[in-house]
C-alpha atoms as a PDB file:
ATOM      1  CA  MET A   1       0.015   0.016  -0.040  1.00  0.00           C
ATOM      2  CA  SER A   2       1.482   3.373  -0.949  1.00  0.00           C
ATOM      3  CA  LYS A   3       1.122   6.520   1.006  1.00  0.00           C
ATOM      4  CA  ILE A   4       1.646  10.158   0.326  1.00  0.00           C
ATOM      5  CA  SER A   5       1.552  13.180   2.623  1.00  0.00           C
ATOM      6  CA  ILE A   6      -0.797  16.147   1.976  1.00  0.00           C
ATOM      7  CA  ALA A   7       2.212  18.402   1.694  1.00  0.00           C
ATOM      8  CA  GLN A   8       3.789  16.207  -0.921  1.00  0.00           C
ATOM      9  CA  LEU A   9       0.588  15.883  -2.900  1.00  0.00           C
ATOM     10  CA  PHE A  10       0.264  19.689  -2.736  1.00  0.00           C
ATOM     11  CA  GLU A  11       3.826  20.202  -3.951  1.00  0.00           C
ATOM     12  CA  ASP A  12       3.344  17.723  -6.798  1.00  0.00           C
ATOM     13  CA  LYS A  13       0.095  19.361  -8.092  1.00  0.00           C
ATOM     14  CA  LYS A  14       0.395  23.034  -7.167  1.00  0.00           C
ATOM     15  CA  GLU A  15       1.876  24.445 -10.409  1.00  0.00           C
ATOM     16  CA  LYS A  16      -0.492  22.399 -12.666  1.00  0.00           C
ATOM     17  CA  LEU A  17      -3.515  23.317 -10.738  1.00  0.00           C
ATOM     18  CA  LYS A  18      -2.326  26.811  -9.719  1.00  0.00           C
ATOM     19  CA  LEU A  19      -2.879  26.146  -5.979  1.00  0.00           C
ATOM     20  CA  ASN A  20      -1.847  28.353  -3.060  1.00  0.00           C
ATOM     21  CA  TRP A  21      -1.646  26.914   0.402  1.00  0.00           C
ATOM     22  CA  ILE A  22      -2.763  29.610   2.706  1.00  0.00           C
ATOM     23  CA  ALA A  23      -3.771  27.931   6.008  1.00  0.00           C
ATOM     24  CA  GLY A  24      -3.595  24.724   7.947  1.00  0.00           C
ATOM     25  CA  GLN A  25      -0.029  23.834   7.048  1.00  0.00           C
ATOM     26  CA  ARG A  26       0.442  21.909  10.288  1.00  0.00           C
ATOM     27  CA  GLY A  27      -1.683  19.100   8.718  1.00  0.00           C
ATOM     28  CA  GLY A  28       0.781  18.728   5.894  1.00  0.00           C
ATOM     29  CA  ASP A  29       2.407  15.753   7.483  1.00  0.00           C
ATOM     30  CA  THR A  30      -0.852  13.784   7.435  1.00  0.00           C
ATOM     31  CA  GLU A  31      -0.434  10.729   5.175  1.00  0.00           C
ATOM     32  CA  LEU A  32      -3.087   9.507   2.764  1.00  0.00           C
ATOM     33  CA  SER A  33      -3.085   5.841   1.861  1.00  0.00           C
ATOM     34  CA  ASP A  34      -4.446   4.283  -1.312  1.00  0.00           C
ATOM     35  CA  GLU A  35      -7.508   3.165   0.533  1.00  0.00           C
ATOM     36  CA  ALA A  36      -8.215   6.626   2.004  1.00  0.00           C
ATOM     37  CA  ILE A  37      -7.870   8.183  -1.496  1.00  0.00           C
ATOM     38  CA  ALA A  38     -10.222   5.635  -2.996  1.00  0.00           C
ATOM     39  CA  GLN A  39     -12.760   6.466  -0.266  1.00  0.00           C
ATOM     40  CA  SER A  40     -12.137  10.173  -0.255  1.00  0.00           C
ATOM     41  CA  GLY A  41     -15.521  11.273  -1.655  1.00  0.00           C
ATOM     42  CA  GLN A  42     -17.605   9.118   0.684  1.00  0.00           C
ATOM     43  CA  GLY A  43     -18.954  10.871   3.749  1.00  0.00           C
ATOM     44  CA  HIS A  44     -16.604  13.804   3.676  1.00  0.00           C
ATOM     45  CA  ASP A  45     -17.490  17.462   3.549  1.00  0.00           C
ATOM     46  CA  TRP A  46     -14.550  18.921   1.663  1.00  0.00           C
ATOM     47  CA  SER A  47     -14.521  22.699   1.787  1.00  0.00           C
ATOM     48  CA  PHE A  48     -12.362  24.461  -0.767  1.00  0.00           C
ATOM     49  CA  GLU A  49     -12.612  28.099  -1.630  1.00  0.00           C
ATOM     50  CA  PHE A  50     -11.754  29.048  -5.207  1.00  0.00           C
ATOM     51  CA  TYR A  51     -10.515  32.459  -6.032  1.00  0.00           C
ATOM     52  CA  PRO A  52      -9.823  33.208  -9.690  1.00  0.00           C
ATOM     53  CA  PRO A  53      -6.286  34.489 -10.497  1.00  0.00           C
ATOM     54  CA  GLY A  54      -5.958  38.253  -9.657  1.00  0.00           C
ATOM     55  CA  LEU A  55      -8.919  38.187  -7.146  1.00  0.00           C
ATOM     56  CA  ASP A  56      -7.742  38.895  -3.614  1.00  0.00           C
ATOM     57  CA  PRO A  57     -10.347  37.497  -1.256  1.00  0.00           C
ATOM     58  CA  GLY A  58      -9.283  40.088   1.355  1.00  0.00           C
ATOM     59  CA  ASP A  59     -10.646  42.964  -0.764  1.00  0.00           C
END
């Protein structure tokens, strides 16, 4: 079973997906297993906020 940390997953995908990690970095060491990833959409309330490039959410 392979595992990846949330921080590593972010680093691997941030340029392609144009992501910015702005909060909660302490959780970056949390590891995700193949099983956890396969079940990731079941029973979770994922909350992501999307801000288009150039839009500052603090304005």
